[in-house]
């Protein structure tokens, strides 16, 4: 989350980013906001780089976590993504490295 917003600030510039946050908070104050709501405001900015960022980081993030650019199926598409190198206990919970 924070890294996405930091990158948005870099792409938009400080002034435009602050304007976006102000407008976002004005529009959705005291409401539950969905991803579609958030994406609608990003689209209104008309910045193709931000839309590509959304596609790359939110819709298909798995390529960022694998050296070969290939990752497990994305949970966005309905298939659970397994944890990398995680060992699971009998109930399917991750086993901590400290255990």
N, C-alpha and C. Protein backbone atom coordinates (compact mmCIF):
# COMPACT_ATOMS: atom_id res chain seq x y z
N UNK A 1 0.79 -1.19 0.00
CA UNK A 1 0.00 0.00 0.00
C UNK A 1 0.84 1.26 0.00
N UNK A 2 1.71 1.40 1.00
CA UNK A 2 2.49 2.63 1.13
C UNK A 2 3.43 2.81 -0.07
N UNK A 3 4.01 1.73 -0.53
CA UNK A 3 4.92 1.82 -1.68
C UNK A 3 4.17 2.25 -2.94
N UNK A 4 2.94 1.77 -3.09
CA UNK A 4 2.13 2.18 -4.23
C UNK A 4 1.87 3.68 -4.19
N UNK A 5 1.49 4.18 -3.02
CA UNK A 5 1.22 5.62 -2.92
C UNK A 5 2.50 6.45 -3.07
N UNK A 6 3.60 5.95 -2.58
CA UNK A 6 4.86 6.66 -2.78
C UNK A 6 5.22 6.73 -4.26
N UNK A 7 4.98 5.64 -4.98
CA UNK A 7 5.25 5.63 -6.42
C UNK A 7 4.28 6.56 -7.14
N UNK A 8 3.01 6.58 -6.69
CA UNK A 8 2.05 7.52 -7.28
C UNK A 8 2.53 8.96 -7.12
N UNK A 9 3.06 9.27 -5.94
CA UNK A 9 3.58 10.62 -5.69
C UNK A 9 4.72 10.94 -6.65
N UNK A 10 5.60 9.97 -6.88
CA UNK A 10 6.72 10.19 -7.80
C UNK A 10 6.22 10.42 -9.22
N UNK A 11 5.25 9.62 -9.65
CA UNK A 11 4.72 9.72 -11.01
C UNK A 11 3.97 11.04 -11.21
N UNK A 12 3.13 11.41 -10.24
CA UNK A 12 2.29 12.61 -10.39
C UNK A 12 3.00 13.91 -10.04
N UNK A 13 3.97 13.81 -9.14
CA UNK A 13 4.55 15.02 -8.58
C UNK A 13 3.80 15.38 -7.30
N UNK A 14 4.48 16.08 -6.42
CA UNK A 14 3.93 16.36 -5.08
C UNK A 14 2.59 17.10 -5.14
N UNK A 15 2.52 18.15 -5.91
CA UNK A 15 1.30 18.97 -5.96
C UNK A 15 0.09 18.19 -6.48
N UNK A 16 0.26 17.48 -7.59
CA UNK A 16 -0.85 16.71 -8.16
C UNK A 16 -1.24 15.55 -7.24
N UNK A 17 -0.25 14.95 -6.59
CA UNK A 17 -0.54 13.85 -5.67
C UNK A 17 -1.37 14.35 -4.49
N UNK A 18 -0.99 15.49 -3.93
CA UNK A 18 -1.76 16.06 -2.81
C UNK A 18 -3.17 16.43 -3.25
N UNK A 19 -3.31 16.93 -4.45
CA UNK A 19 -4.64 17.25 -4.99
C UNK A 19 -5.47 15.98 -5.12
N UNK A 20 -4.85 14.92 -5.63
CA UNK A 20 -5.54 13.63 -5.75
C UNK A 20 -6.03 13.16 -4.38
N UNK A 21 -5.17 13.18 -3.37
CA UNK A 21 -5.57 12.74 -2.03
C UNK A 21 -6.69 13.60 -1.47
N UNK A 22 -6.59 14.90 -1.66
CA UNK A 22 -7.64 15.81 -1.19
C UNK A 22 -8.97 15.48 -1.86
N UNK A 23 -8.96 15.35 -3.18
CA UNK A 23 -10.19 15.04 -3.92
C UNK A 23 -10.75 13.68 -3.52
N UNK A 24 -9.86 12.71 -3.33
CA UNK A 24 -10.27 11.35 -2.94
C UNK A 24 -10.98 11.39 -1.59
N UNK A 25 -10.38 12.08 -0.64
CA UNK A 25 -10.98 12.16 0.70
C UNK A 25 -12.28 12.95 0.68
N UNK A 26 -12.35 14.00 -0.12
CA UNK A 26 -13.61 14.74 -0.25
C UNK A 26 -14.72 13.87 -0.83
N UNK A 27 -14.39 13.14 -1.86
CA UNK A 27 -15.41 12.33 -2.54
C UNK A 27 -15.90 11.17 -1.67
N UNK A 28 -15.00 10.53 -0.96
CA UNK A 28 -15.37 9.29 -0.26
C UNK A 28 -15.40 9.42 1.27
N UNK A 29 -15.43 10.63 1.78
CA UNK A 29 -15.48 10.84 3.23
C UNK A 29 -16.68 10.09 3.83
N UNK A 30 -16.40 9.34 4.88
CA UNK A 30 -17.40 8.57 5.64
C UNK A 30 -18.05 7.45 4.82
N UNK A 31 -17.38 6.98 3.80
CA UNK A 31 -17.91 5.91 2.96
C UNK A 31 -16.94 4.73 2.95
N UNK A 32 -17.46 3.59 2.60
CA UNK A 32 -16.62 2.43 2.33
C UNK A 32 -16.22 2.51 0.87
N UNK A 33 -14.93 2.45 0.62
CA UNK A 33 -14.42 2.61 -0.74
C UNK A 33 -13.99 1.26 -1.28
N UNK A 34 -14.40 0.97 -2.50
CA UNK A 34 -14.01 -0.27 -3.15
C UNK A 34 -12.80 -0.01 -4.05
N UNK A 35 -12.19 -1.08 -4.50
CA UNK A 35 -11.09 -0.94 -5.45
C UNK A 35 -11.58 -0.26 -6.72
N UNK A 36 -12.81 -0.56 -7.14
CA UNK A 36 -13.37 0.07 -8.33
C UNK A 36 -13.49 1.58 -8.14
N UNK A 37 -13.88 2.03 -6.95
CA UNK A 37 -13.96 3.46 -6.66
C UNK A 37 -12.59 4.10 -6.78
N UNK A 38 -11.61 3.46 -6.14
CA UNK A 38 -10.24 3.97 -6.17
C UNK A 38 -9.73 4.05 -7.61
N UNK A 39 -9.97 2.98 -8.36
CA UNK A 39 -9.48 2.92 -9.74
C UNK A 39 -10.17 3.97 -10.61
N UNK A 40 -11.43 4.25 -10.35
CA UNK A 40 -12.14 5.29 -11.10
C UNK A 40 -11.44 6.64 -10.94
N UNK A 41 -11.04 6.96 -9.71
CA UNK A 41 -10.32 8.22 -9.50
C UNK A 41 -8.95 8.23 -10.17
N UNK A 42 -8.27 7.10 -10.15
CA UNK A 42 -6.98 7.02 -10.83
C UNK A 42 -7.18 7.23 -12.33
N UNK A 43 -8.21 6.62 -12.88
CA UNK A 43 -8.50 6.80 -14.32
C UNK A 43 -8.80 8.26 -14.65
N UNK A 44 -9.49 8.94 -13.75
CA UNK A 44 -9.82 10.35 -13.97
C UNK A 44 -8.57 11.23 -14.08
N UNK A 45 -7.48 10.78 -13.49
CA UNK A 45 -6.23 11.53 -13.60
C UNK A 45 -5.67 11.51 -15.01
N UNK A 46 -6.07 10.50 -15.80
CA UNK A 46 -5.63 10.41 -17.18
C UNK A 46 -4.16 10.11 -17.34
N UNK A 47 -3.59 9.41 -16.37
CA UNK A 47 -2.16 9.11 -16.42
C UNK A 47 -1.96 7.63 -16.74
N UNK A 48 -1.52 7.34 -17.95
CA UNK A 48 -1.34 5.96 -18.39
C UNK A 48 -0.33 5.21 -17.53
N UNK A 49 0.68 5.91 -17.02
CA UNK A 49 1.69 5.26 -16.19
C UNK A 49 1.08 4.73 -14.89
N UNK A 50 0.12 5.47 -14.31
CA UNK A 50 -0.55 5.00 -13.09
C UNK A 50 -1.42 3.78 -13.37
N UNK A 51 -2.08 3.78 -14.51
CA UNK A 51 -2.90 2.61 -14.86
C UNK A 51 -2.03 1.38 -15.07
N UNK A 52 -0.88 1.57 -15.70
CA UNK A 52 0.06 0.46 -15.88
C UNK A 52 0.57 -0.02 -14.53
N UNK A 53 0.82 0.91 -13.63
CA UNK A 53 1.26 0.57 -12.28
C UNK A 53 0.21 -0.28 -11.57
N UNK A 54 -1.04 0.09 -11.70
CA UNK A 54 -2.14 -0.69 -11.10
C UNK A 54 -2.15 -2.11 -11.68
N UNK A 55 -2.08 -2.21 -12.98
CA UNK A 55 -2.09 -3.53 -13.62
C UNK A 55 -0.91 -4.38 -13.16
N UNK A 56 0.25 -3.76 -13.08
CA UNK A 56 1.48 -4.47 -12.75
C UNK A 56 1.56 -4.85 -11.27
N UNK A 57 1.15 -3.98 -10.38
CA UNK A 57 1.32 -4.22 -8.95
C UNK A 57 0.10 -4.82 -8.27
N UNK A 58 -1.10 -4.52 -8.77
CA UNK A 58 -2.32 -4.97 -8.10
C UNK A 58 -2.94 -6.16 -8.82
N UNK A 59 -3.10 -6.07 -10.12
CA UNK A 59 -3.75 -7.15 -10.87
C UNK A 59 -2.83 -8.34 -11.03
N UNK A 60 -1.56 -8.13 -11.36
CA UNK A 60 -0.63 -9.23 -11.61
C UNK A 60 0.69 -8.99 -10.89
N UNK A 61 0.69 -8.98 -9.57
CA UNK A 61 1.92 -8.66 -8.84
C UNK A 61 2.95 -9.76 -8.78
N UNK A 62 2.57 -10.98 -9.13
CA UNK A 62 3.48 -12.11 -8.91
C UNK A 62 4.80 -11.99 -9.64
N UNK A 63 4.85 -11.29 -10.75
CA UNK A 63 6.10 -11.19 -11.50
C UNK A 63 7.16 -10.39 -10.75
N UNK A 64 6.78 -9.61 -9.74
CA UNK A 64 7.74 -8.83 -8.97
C UNK A 64 8.47 -9.67 -7.92
N UNK A 65 7.99 -10.86 -7.66
CA UNK A 65 8.53 -11.65 -6.57
C UNK A 65 9.28 -12.89 -7.02
N UNK A 66 9.46 -13.04 -8.31
CA UNK A 66 10.14 -14.21 -8.85
C UNK A 66 11.20 -13.77 -9.84
N UNK A 67 12.39 -14.31 -9.69
CA UNK A 67 13.51 -13.92 -10.55
C UNK A 67 13.23 -14.17 -12.02
N UNK A 68 12.47 -15.24 -12.33
CA UNK A 68 12.20 -15.56 -13.73
C UNK A 68 11.01 -14.80 -14.29
N UNK A 69 10.39 -13.93 -13.47
CA UNK A 69 9.24 -13.17 -13.95
C UNK A 69 7.96 -13.96 -13.97
N UNK A 70 8.04 -15.22 -13.61
CA UNK A 70 6.85 -16.07 -13.56
C UNK A 70 6.52 -16.32 -12.10
N UNK A 71 5.26 -16.32 -11.79
CA UNK A 71 4.86 -16.55 -10.41
C UNK A 71 3.70 -17.51 -10.35
N UNK A 72 3.24 -17.79 -9.16
CA UNK A 72 2.07 -18.65 -9.01
C UNK A 72 0.83 -17.93 -9.52
N UNK A 73 -0.26 -18.65 -9.73
CA UNK A 73 -1.49 -17.99 -10.17
C UNK A 73 -1.90 -16.90 -9.19
N UNK A 74 -2.42 -15.83 -9.72
CA UNK A 74 -2.78 -14.69 -8.89
C UNK A 74 -4.11 -14.92 -8.18
N UNK A 75 -4.21 -14.51 -6.90
CA UNK A 75 -5.48 -14.63 -6.20
C UNK A 75 -6.55 -13.74 -6.82
N UNK A 76 -6.15 -12.72 -7.57
CA UNK A 76 -7.12 -11.86 -8.24
C UNK A 76 -7.93 -12.68 -9.24
N UNK A 77 -7.30 -13.69 -9.80
CA UNK A 77 -7.98 -14.54 -10.77
C UNK A 77 -8.68 -15.73 -10.10
N UNK A 78 -8.70 -15.76 -8.77
CA UNK A 78 -9.45 -16.78 -8.06
C UNK A 78 -8.66 -17.98 -7.59
N UNK A 79 -7.38 -18.06 -7.86
CA UNK A 79 -6.57 -19.20 -7.43
C UNK A 79 -5.66 -18.76 -6.31
N UNK A 80 -5.64 -19.48 -5.19
CA UNK A 80 -4.77 -19.07 -4.09
C UNK A 80 -3.30 -19.07 -4.49
N UNK A 81 -2.57 -18.12 -3.99
CA UNK A 81 -1.14 -18.03 -4.24
C UNK A 81 -0.40 -18.66 -3.07
N UNK A 82 0.40 -19.70 -3.29
CA UNK A 82 1.14 -20.32 -2.19
C UNK A 82 2.25 -19.41 -1.69
N UNK A 83 2.58 -19.56 -0.43
CA UNK A 83 3.70 -18.79 0.13
C UNK A 83 5.01 -19.39 -0.37
N UNK A 84 5.99 -18.54 -0.61
CA UNK A 84 7.29 -19.02 -1.06
C UNK A 84 8.01 -19.74 0.06
N UNK A 85 8.51 -20.92 -0.21
CA UNK A 85 9.34 -21.69 0.71
C UNK A 85 8.74 -21.82 2.11
N UNK A 86 7.43 -21.76 2.22
CA UNK A 86 6.80 -21.86 3.54
C UNK A 86 6.49 -23.32 3.85
N UNK A 87 6.85 -23.73 5.04
CA UNK A 87 6.46 -25.05 5.50
C UNK A 87 5.18 -24.88 6.30
N UNK A 88 4.25 -25.83 6.16
CA UNK A 88 2.97 -25.73 6.83
C UNK A 88 2.84 -26.82 7.89
N UNK A 89 2.12 -26.50 8.97
CA UNK A 89 1.86 -27.51 9.99
C UNK A 89 0.69 -28.38 9.55
N UNK A 90 0.27 -29.31 10.38
CA UNK A 90 -0.80 -30.25 10.03
C UNK A 90 -2.12 -29.55 9.71
N UNK A 91 -2.32 -28.36 10.26
CA UNK A 91 -3.56 -27.62 10.02
C UNK A 91 -3.44 -26.65 8.84
N UNK A 92 -2.28 -26.61 8.20
CA UNK A 92 -2.08 -25.76 7.05
C UNK A 92 -1.58 -24.36 7.36
N UNK A 93 -1.24 -24.10 8.63
CA UNK A 93 -0.72 -22.78 9.00
C UNK A 93 0.79 -22.73 8.75
N UNK A 94 1.31 -21.57 8.35
CA UNK A 94 2.75 -21.45 8.13
C UNK A 94 3.54 -21.71 9.42
N UNK A 95 4.65 -22.41 9.29
CA UNK A 95 5.52 -22.66 10.43
C UNK A 95 6.56 -21.56 10.45
N UNK A 96 6.68 -20.88 11.56
CA UNK A 96 7.62 -19.77 11.70
C UNK A 96 9.05 -20.31 11.65
N UNK A 97 9.96 -19.51 11.15
CA UNK A 97 11.37 -19.87 11.12
C UNK A 97 11.89 -20.05 12.55
N UNK A 98 11.30 -19.31 13.47
CA UNK A 98 11.72 -19.36 14.88
C UNK A 98 11.26 -20.61 15.61
N UNK A 99 10.31 -21.36 15.06
CA UNK A 99 9.77 -22.53 15.74
C UNK A 99 10.73 -23.69 15.69
